[in-house]
Amino acid sequence: MKVPLLDLRGQYAPLRNEIRLAIDQVCDAQALILGSHVERFERNLAAYCQTAFAIGLSSGTDALLCAMMAMDIRPGDEVICPAFTFFATAGSIARLGAVPVFVDILPDTFNLDPDSVKARITGKTKAILPVHLFGQTADMEAINAIAAGHGIKVIEDAAQAIGARQNGKAACSLSLAGCLSFYPTKNLGAFGDAGAVCSSDADFIEKCCLIRVHGSAHTYHHKLIGANFRLDAIQAAVLDVKLKYLDSWHEARRANAAMYDKLLAGSPIVTPKIAPGNVSIYNQYVVRVPNRDAVQKSLSQLGIGSAVYYPIPLHLQECFAYLGRREGDFPVSEQACRDVLALPVYPELLPEQIEYVAEQLLQLVAQPG
């Protein structure tokens, strides 16, 4: 049986006519960048994320850059982020000349450890950038309390967590701003790169809007130095169609995750732990398995897709060697890189496919050696 890690064709097929109609409308109007389609999507996205505003941007990475530029992050400023996350989190900090200050993660949720944050705050700390990894929010109550005590701001990297909830509040509404990615593999995926910043701070969003068009409020008049972070209208049109179905896709992912939880219970496989008060969207279903690399190779031979998010922690990446971090500095992150394996969890999976994945995984883990 073939079980890919992700199959976007199953999502597209029932929406094909609706999506093609939306794309045709953009093509007929020939308003291809920003414009009314983007504005409509932004309104709907803000409502979904429980924020007053949302602005569409060119990618999730550009959303992080735009948000930090709007916060006036400058060379030499320090921004705290987890050592275990996708590269863009820390890469965006470094691109602004700021210093990524890595902290360790919690072993159960893979999210930033608030206690580690306290020890890393200095007089140069300008912001904390927690990541809502794999679809559930970090401990924002604790993180916000730490930030407030030191007069620093928080931006959520919610690239993997649109629709996630913490105590009833949506990701992106739990701090100054939240940054989203609509890369095609995300729960809400565009037909290419796209992203957004969501916030209820009008002044902050106004500055983000300037930054995404080279700092210009009027053509050829530039109030500040920005960049080209504009969202294409076709991407906004596609995303606006898909947004209506997002909650049902989340529910299907949660049902698939619950089935895995039951099938894998009592085994050496460590299944995802969702923190109290959190509702995950399961952007990924990530387990810990012994002898991970051998297990993944065997799964591939059996026709089962899987992935490792992430094989190397950020503090050990070659490009961050200048920060002087060494192996052993963040042991929880390093252990996660040795153990983690993402299994197929997309909404269109059939029960028999999940059963097959679980059965084969259990057999592989039970094998000696």
Protein backbone atom coordinates (compact mmCIF):
# COMPACT_ATOMS: atom_id res chain seq x y z
CA MET A 1 0.00 0.00 0.00
CA LYS A 2 1.26 3.47 -0.89
CA VAL A 3 0.81 6.19 1.72
CA PRO A 4 2.50 9.48 0.78
CA LEU A 5 3.44 11.97 3.47
CA LEU A 6 1.14 14.49 1.75
CA ASP A 7 -1.12 14.39 -1.30
CA LEU A 8 -2.42 17.82 -2.28
CA ARG A 9 -4.34 16.45 -5.26
CA GLY A 10 -6.95 14.99 -2.93
CA GLN A 11 -7.61 18.43 -1.48
CA TYR A 12 -7.68 20.17 -4.85
CA ALA A 13 -10.02 17.85 -6.75
CA PRO A 14 -13.32 18.77 -4.99
CA LEU A 15 -12.41 22.49 -5.02
CA ARG A 16 -11.14 22.60 -8.58
CA ASN A 17 -14.08 24.45 -10.13
CA GLU A 18 -14.33 26.95 -7.28
CA ILE A 19 -10.62 27.67 -7.33
CA ARG A 20 -10.46 27.97 -11.12
CA LEU A 21 -13.38 30.41 -11.08
CA ALA A 22 -11.59 32.56 -8.49
CA ILE A 23 -8.38 32.52 -10.55
CA ASP A 24 -10.32 33.42 -13.71
CA GLN A 25 -11.83 36.42 -11.94
CA VAL A 26 -8.36 37.69 -11.10
CA CYS A 27 -7.20 37.08 -14.67
CA ASP A 28 -10.21 38.87 -16.13
CA ALA A 29 -9.72 41.87 -13.84
CA GLN A 30 -5.94 41.96 -14.48
CA ALA A 31 -5.42 43.38 -10.99
CA LEU A 32 -2.60 40.99 -10.20
CA ILE A 33 -0.80 42.38 -7.15
CA LEU A 34 -2.60 43.53 -3.98
CA GLY A 35 -6.02 44.97 -4.86
CA SER A 36 -9.55 43.87 -4.00
CA HIS A 37 -8.93 40.10 -3.90
CA VAL A 38 -6.10 40.58 -1.43
CA GLU A 39 -8.17 42.99 0.66
CA ARG A 40 -11.07 40.54 0.88
CA PHE A 41 -8.78 37.73 1.95
CA GLU A 42 -7.14 39.97 4.53
CA ARG A 43 -10.51 40.80 6.13
CA ASN A 44 -11.53 37.15 6.25
CA LEU A 45 -8.14 36.07 7.58
CA ALA A 46 -8.20 38.66 10.37
CA ALA A 47 -11.63 37.48 11.45
CA TYR A 48 -10.46 33.88 11.43
CA CYS A 49 -7.37 34.67 13.51
CA GLN A 50 -9.32 36.85 15.98
CA THR A 51 -7.27 39.95 15.19
CA ALA A 52 -8.37 43.38 14.03
CA PHE A 53 -6.07 43.36 11.02
CA ALA A 54 -4.21 41.07 8.64
CA ILE A 55 -1.96 41.94 5.73
CA GLY A 56 -1.03 39.52 2.97
CA LEU A 57 2.65 39.12 2.20
CA SER A 58 4.89 37.28 -0.24
CA SER A 59 5.91 34.40 2.08
CA GLY A 60 6.06 33.29 5.69
CA THR A 61 9.72 34.25 5.84
CA ASP A 62 8.88 37.73 4.56
CA ALA A 63 6.16 37.94 7.20
CA LEU A 64 8.80 37.42 9.89
CA LEU A 65 11.08 39.98 8.28
CA CYS A 66 8.29 42.52 7.87
CA ALA A 67 7.11 42.14 11.46
CA MET A 68 10.61 42.55 12.88
CA MET A 69 11.33 45.51 10.62
CA ALA A 70 8.12 47.10 11.91
CA MET A 71 9.41 46.51 15.44
CA ASP A 72 12.59 48.33 14.44
CA ILE A 73 14.85 45.35 15.09
CA ARG A 74 18.34 46.60 14.30
CA PRO A 75 21.90 45.26 14.04
CA GLY A 76 23.13 44.13 17.44
CA ASP A 77 19.66 43.66 18.92
CA GLU A 78 19.01 40.24 20.42
CA VAL A 79 15.92 38.19 19.61
CA ILE A 80 15.23 35.00 21.55
CA CYS A 81 14.01 31.97 19.59
CA PRO A 82 14.06 28.17 19.92
CA ALA A 83 17.01 26.11 18.70
CA PHE A 84 14.60 23.53 17.29
CA THR A 85 12.54 25.02 14.47
CA PHE A 86 12.58 25.75 10.74
CA PHE A 87 15.54 27.84 9.62
CA ALA A 88 13.51 30.93 8.67
CA THR A 89 12.84 31.78 12.32
CA ALA A 90 16.47 32.48 13.13
CA GLY A 91 17.50 33.28 9.56
CA SER A 92 15.13 36.26 9.50
CA ILE A 93 16.63 37.61 12.71
CA ALA A 94 20.15 37.33 11.33
CA ARG A 95 19.20 38.93 8.00
CA LEU A 96 18.38 42.12 9.88
CA GLY A 97 21.80 42.09 11.52
CA ALA A 98 20.28 41.12 14.84
CA VAL A 99 21.51 38.22 16.99
CA PRO A 100 19.46 35.03 17.26
CA VAL A 101 19.64 33.97 20.90
CA PHE A 102 18.78 30.29 21.03
CA VAL A 103 16.97 28.59 23.88
CA ASP A 104 15.95 24.99 24.42
CA ILE A 105 12.55 23.41 23.97
CA LEU A 106 10.17 21.39 26.12
CA PRO A 107 10.58 17.66 25.46
CA ASP A 108 6.85 16.91 25.24
CA THR A 109 5.49 19.69 22.99
CA PHE A 110 8.71 20.64 21.13
CA ASN A 111 7.88 24.28 21.83
CA LEU A 112 10.07 26.92 23.43
CA ASP A 113 10.85 26.37 27.14
CA PRO A 114 9.85 29.53 29.05
CA ASP A 115 12.33 28.79 31.84
CA SER A 116 15.15 28.81 29.30
CA VAL A 117 14.02 32.21 28.10
CA LYS A 118 14.49 33.83 31.51
CA ALA A 119 18.17 32.92 31.62
CA ARG A 120 18.90 34.39 28.19
CA ILE A 121 17.43 37.88 28.56
CA THR A 122 19.98 40.69 28.55
CA GLY A 123 19.94 44.43 28.15
CA LYS A 124 20.13 43.90 24.39
CA THR A 125 17.04 41.67 24.17
CA LYS A 126 14.52 43.35 21.89
CA ALA A 127 11.97 40.59 21.35
CA ILE A 128 10.98 36.98 21.94
CA LEU A 129 10.00 34.92 18.88
CA PRO A 130 8.25 31.73 20.03
CA VAL A 131 7.31 29.16 17.38
CA HIS A 132 3.99 27.29 17.48
CA LEU A 133 5.59 24.12 16.20
CA PHE A 134 3.78 21.27 14.42
CA GLY A 135 0.37 22.88 14.98
CA GLN A 136 0.06 23.77 18.67
CA THR A 137 0.82 27.03 20.42
CA ALA A 138 3.75 27.62 22.73
CA ASP A 139 3.07 28.53 26.38
CA MET A 140 2.12 32.11 25.59
CA GLU A 141 0.89 32.96 29.08
CA ALA A 142 4.31 32.25 30.55
CA ILE A 143 6.19 33.82 27.64
CA ASN A 144 4.09 37.01 27.70
CA ALA A 145 4.59 37.31 31.46
CA ILE A 146 8.36 37.10 31.05
CA ALA A 147 8.30 39.65 28.23
CA ALA A 148 6.11 42.07 30.16
CA GLY A 149 8.43 41.86 33.15
CA HIS A 150 11.34 43.01 31.00
CA GLY A 151 9.52 45.47 28.75
CA ILE A 152 10.12 43.49 25.57
CA LYS A 153 7.73 42.44 22.83
CA VAL A 154 6.60 39.07 21.52
CA ILE A 155 5.93 38.00 17.94
CA GLU A 156 4.44 34.57 17.23
CA ASP A 157 5.92 32.46 14.48
CA ALA A 158 2.61 30.79 13.66
CA ALA A 159 3.67 29.47 10.26
CA GLN A 160 2.55 25.96 11.23
CA ALA A 161 -0.39 26.89 13.41
CA ILE A 162 -3.16 28.85 11.70
CA GLY A 163 -6.35 27.96 13.56
CA ALA A 164 -4.60 26.57 16.63
CA ARG A 165 -6.14 27.68 19.92
CA GLN A 166 -4.90 28.30 23.44
CA ASN A 167 -7.61 28.68 26.07
CA GLY A 168 -10.02 29.67 23.30
CA LYS A 169 -7.77 32.30 21.75
CA ALA A 170 -6.39 31.90 18.25
CA ALA A 171 -2.75 31.74 17.27
CA CYS A 172 -1.66 35.22 16.10
CA SER A 173 -3.93 36.90 18.65
CA LEU A 174 -1.77 35.98 21.65
CA SER A 175 0.89 38.70 21.30
CA LEU A 176 1.70 41.88 19.41
CA ALA A 177 1.52 39.99 16.10
CA GLY A 178 1.54 36.59 14.50
CA CYS A 179 3.30 35.57 11.29
CA LEU A 180 1.79 32.99 8.94
CA SER A 181 3.06 30.93 6.04
CA PHE A 182 0.82 29.68 3.24
CA TYR A 183 3.44 27.47 1.63
CA PRO A 184 1.52 24.77 -0.29
CA THR A 185 2.19 22.07 2.32
CA LYS A 186 0.64 24.08 5.15
CA ASN A 187 -2.90 23.38 6.39
CA LEU A 188 -3.92 26.51 4.47
CA GLY A 189 -1.70 26.38 1.41
CA ALA A 190 -1.43 28.73 -1.55
CA PHE A 191 -0.49 27.82 -5.11
CA GLY A 192 3.03 29.04 -4.42
CA ASP A 193 4.64 31.18 -1.75
CA ALA A 194 2.49 33.48 0.38
CA GLY A 195 2.29 34.67 3.97
CA ALA A 196 0.65 37.17 6.30
CA VAL A 197 1.04 39.21 9.47
CA CYS A 198 -1.94 39.46 11.80
CA SER A 199 -2.26 41.97 14.65
CA SER A 200 -4.76 44.13 16.51
CA ASP A 201 -2.29 47.01 16.79
CA ALA A 202 -3.29 49.57 14.16
CA ASP A 203 0.00 51.49 14.24
CA PHE A 204 2.03 48.31 13.87
CA ILE A 205 -0.05 47.11 10.91
CA GLU A 206 0.16 50.53 9.26
CA LYS A 207 3.94 50.30 9.43
CA CYS A 208 3.86 46.75 8.04
CA CYS A 209 1.74 47.97 5.14
CA LEU A 210 4.36 50.61 4.34
CA ILE A 211 7.23 48.14 4.62
CA ARG A 212 5.68 45.65 2.17
CA VAL A 213 5.72 48.28 -0.61
CA HIS A 214 9.23 49.71 -0.16
CA GLY A 215 8.13 52.04 2.62
CA SER A 216 5.89 53.98 0.28
CA ALA A 217 2.43 55.31 1.06
CA HIS A 218 2.28 57.17 -2.25
CA THR A 219 4.05 56.21 -5.45
CA TYR A 220 7.72 57.26 -5.41
CA HIS A 221 7.40 58.85 -1.96
CA HIS A 222 9.13 56.72 0.67
CA LYS A 223 8.64 57.32 4.40
CA LEU A 224 11.03 54.53 5.37
CA ILE A 225 13.15 51.78 3.87
CA GLY A 226 11.00 48.74 3.23
CA ALA A 227 11.01 45.86 0.78
CA ASN A 228 8.91 44.13 -1.85
CA PHE A 229 6.72 41.86 0.29
CA ARG A 230 3.50 42.20 -1.73
CA LEU A 231 0.99 39.36 -2.08
CA ASP A 232 -0.17 38.30 -5.55
CA ALA A 233 -3.90 38.53 -6.10
CA ILE A 234 -4.10 34.97 -7.49
CA GLN A 235 -2.65 33.60 -4.27
CA ALA A 236 -5.14 35.61 -2.21
CA ALA A 237 -8.04 34.36 -4.33
CA VAL A 238 -7.00 30.73 -3.90
CA LEU A 239 -6.47 31.17 -0.17
CA ASP A 240 -9.83 32.84 0.28
CA VAL A 241 -11.56 29.85 -1.32
CA LYS A 242 -9.66 27.41 0.87
CA LEU A 243 -10.16 29.38 4.09
CA LYS A 244 -13.84 28.38 4.17
CA TYR A 245 -12.84 24.71 4.42
CA LEU A 246 -9.96 25.07 6.84
CA ASP A 247 -11.75 24.13 10.04
CA SER A 248 -13.10 20.93 8.50
CA TRP A 249 -9.57 20.02 7.40
CA HIS A 250 -8.31 20.67 10.93
CA GLU A 251 -11.00 18.37 12.32
CA ALA A 252 -10.00 15.61 9.89
CA ARG A 253 -6.36 15.96 10.93
CA ARG A 254 -7.32 15.75 14.61
CA ALA A 255 -9.37 12.62 13.90
CA ASN A 256 -6.43 11.06 12.08
CA ALA A 257 -4.11 11.98 14.95
CA ALA A 258 -6.49 10.43 17.47
CA MET A 259 -6.50 7.22 15.45
CA TYR A 260 -2.70 7.11 15.48
CA ASP A 261 -2.70 7.83 19.22
CA LYS A 262 -4.92 4.83 19.85
CA LEU A 263 -3.08 2.46 17.52
CA LEU A 264 0.36 3.37 18.84
CA ALA A 265 -0.55 3.49 22.54
CA GLY A 266 1.57 1.35 24.86
CA SER A 267 4.45 1.03 22.39
CA PRO A 268 7.97 2.49 22.50
CA ILE A 269 6.75 5.14 20.05
CA VAL A 270 6.19 8.49 21.76
CA THR A 271 3.11 10.15 20.28
CA PRO A 272 2.44 13.93 20.29
CA LYS A 273 1.45 15.54 23.56
CA ILE A 274 -0.98 18.44 23.38
CA ALA A 275 -0.61 20.82 26.31
CA PRO A 276 -3.66 21.56 28.51
CA GLY A 277 -5.75 24.37 27.03
CA ASN A 278 -4.31 23.84 23.56
CA VAL A 279 -6.17 22.75 20.43
CA SER A 280 -3.70 21.56 17.80
CA ILE A 281 -4.21 21.69 14.04
CA TYR A 282 -1.63 18.92 13.50
CA ASN A 283 0.29 20.59 10.71
CA GLN A 284 2.53 17.61 11.34
CA TYR A 285 2.00 14.42 13.37
CA VAL A 286 5.46 13.99 14.86
CA VAL A 287 6.44 10.94 16.89
CA ARG A 288 9.68 9.93 18.57
CA VAL A 289 11.04 6.55 17.56
CA PRO A 290 14.16 4.59 18.48
CA ASN A 291 16.66 4.02 15.66
CA ARG A 292 14.86 6.70 13.68
CA ASP A 293 16.95 6.76 10.52
CA ALA A 294 16.74 3.01 9.98
CA VAL A 295 13.01 3.07 10.67
CA GLN A 296 12.44 5.87 8.16
CA LYS A 297 14.40 4.02 5.48
CA SER A 298 12.31 0.88 6.04
CA LEU A 299 9.07 2.84 5.91
CA SER A 300 10.09 4.28 2.55
CA GLN A 301 10.74 0.77 1.24
CA LEU A 302 7.21 -0.14 2.35
CA GLY A 303 5.70 2.77 0.39
CA ILE A 304 5.11 4.96 3.44
CA GLY A 305 6.12 8.60 3.31
CA SER A 306 7.65 10.30 6.33
CA ALA A 307 9.93 13.24 7.06
CA VAL A 308 12.36 14.50 9.67
CA TYR A 309 11.55 17.96 10.99
CA TYR A 310 14.39 18.77 11.82
CA PRO A 311 17.66 16.80 11.56
CA ILE A 312 20.01 19.54 12.80
CA PRO A 313 19.25 22.10 15.53
CA LEU A 314 19.85 25.69 14.54
CA HIS A 315 22.73 26.31 16.94
CA LEU A 316 24.72 23.58 15.15
CA GLN A 317 24.04 24.85 11.63
CA GLU A 318 27.23 25.90 9.84
CA CYS A 319 25.91 29.39 9.09
CA PHE A 320 25.46 30.10 12.82
CA ALA A 321 28.91 28.91 13.87
CA TYR A 322 29.84 32.54 14.53
CA LEU A 323 27.53 32.50 17.55
CA GLY A 324 29.91 30.12 19.30
CA ARG A 325 27.40 27.45 20.30
CA ARG A 326 28.46 23.82 20.63
CA GLU A 327 26.93 20.37 20.80
CA GLY A 328 25.45 19.83 24.25
CA ASP A 329 24.33 23.44 24.72
CA PHE A 330 20.67 22.60 24.04
CA PRO A 331 20.31 18.88 24.79
CA VAL A 332 16.53 18.63 24.45
CA SER A 333 16.65 20.13 20.96
CA GLU A 334 19.56 17.89 20.00
CA GLN A 335 17.75 14.77 21.20
CA ALA A 336 14.63 15.76 19.28
CA CYS A 337 16.70 15.98 16.10
CA ARG A 338 17.77 12.36 16.65
CA ASP A 339 14.29 11.02 17.44
CA VAL A 340 11.56 12.84 15.55
CA LEU A 341 9.63 11.43 12.60
CA ALA A 342 6.58 12.98 10.93
CA LEU A 343 3.90 10.57 9.72
CA PRO A 344 1.17 11.19 7.13
CA VAL A 345 -1.77 13.02 8.75
CA TYR A 346 -3.39 14.99 5.90
CA PRO A 347 -7.21 15.18 5.92
CA GLU A 348 -7.85 12.88 2.97
CA LEU A 349 -6.10 9.85 4.50
CA LEU A 350 -8.23 6.71 4.66
CA PRO A 351 -8.54 4.73 7.91
CA GLU A 352 -6.93 1.71 6.29
CA GLN A 353 -3.93 3.82 5.33
CA ILE A 354 -3.48 4.99 8.92
CA GLU A 355 -3.82 1.41 10.13
CA TYR A 356 -1.17 0.30 7.64
CA VAL A 357 1.26 3.03 8.70
CA ALA A 358 0.78 2.22 12.39
CA GLU A 359 1.06 -1.53 11.86
CA GLN A 360 4.28 -1.27 9.87
CA LEU A 361 5.79 1.25 12.28
CA LEU A 362 5.03 -0.95 15.28
CA GLN A 363 6.62 -3.95 13.58
CA LEU A 364 9.76 -1.99 12.69
CA VAL A 365 10.18 -0.61 16.19
CA ALA A 366 9.68 -4.08 17.70
CA GLN A 367 12.45 -5.59 15.56
CA PRO A 368 15.75 -6.10 17.41
CA GLY A 369 18.63 -3.89 16.44
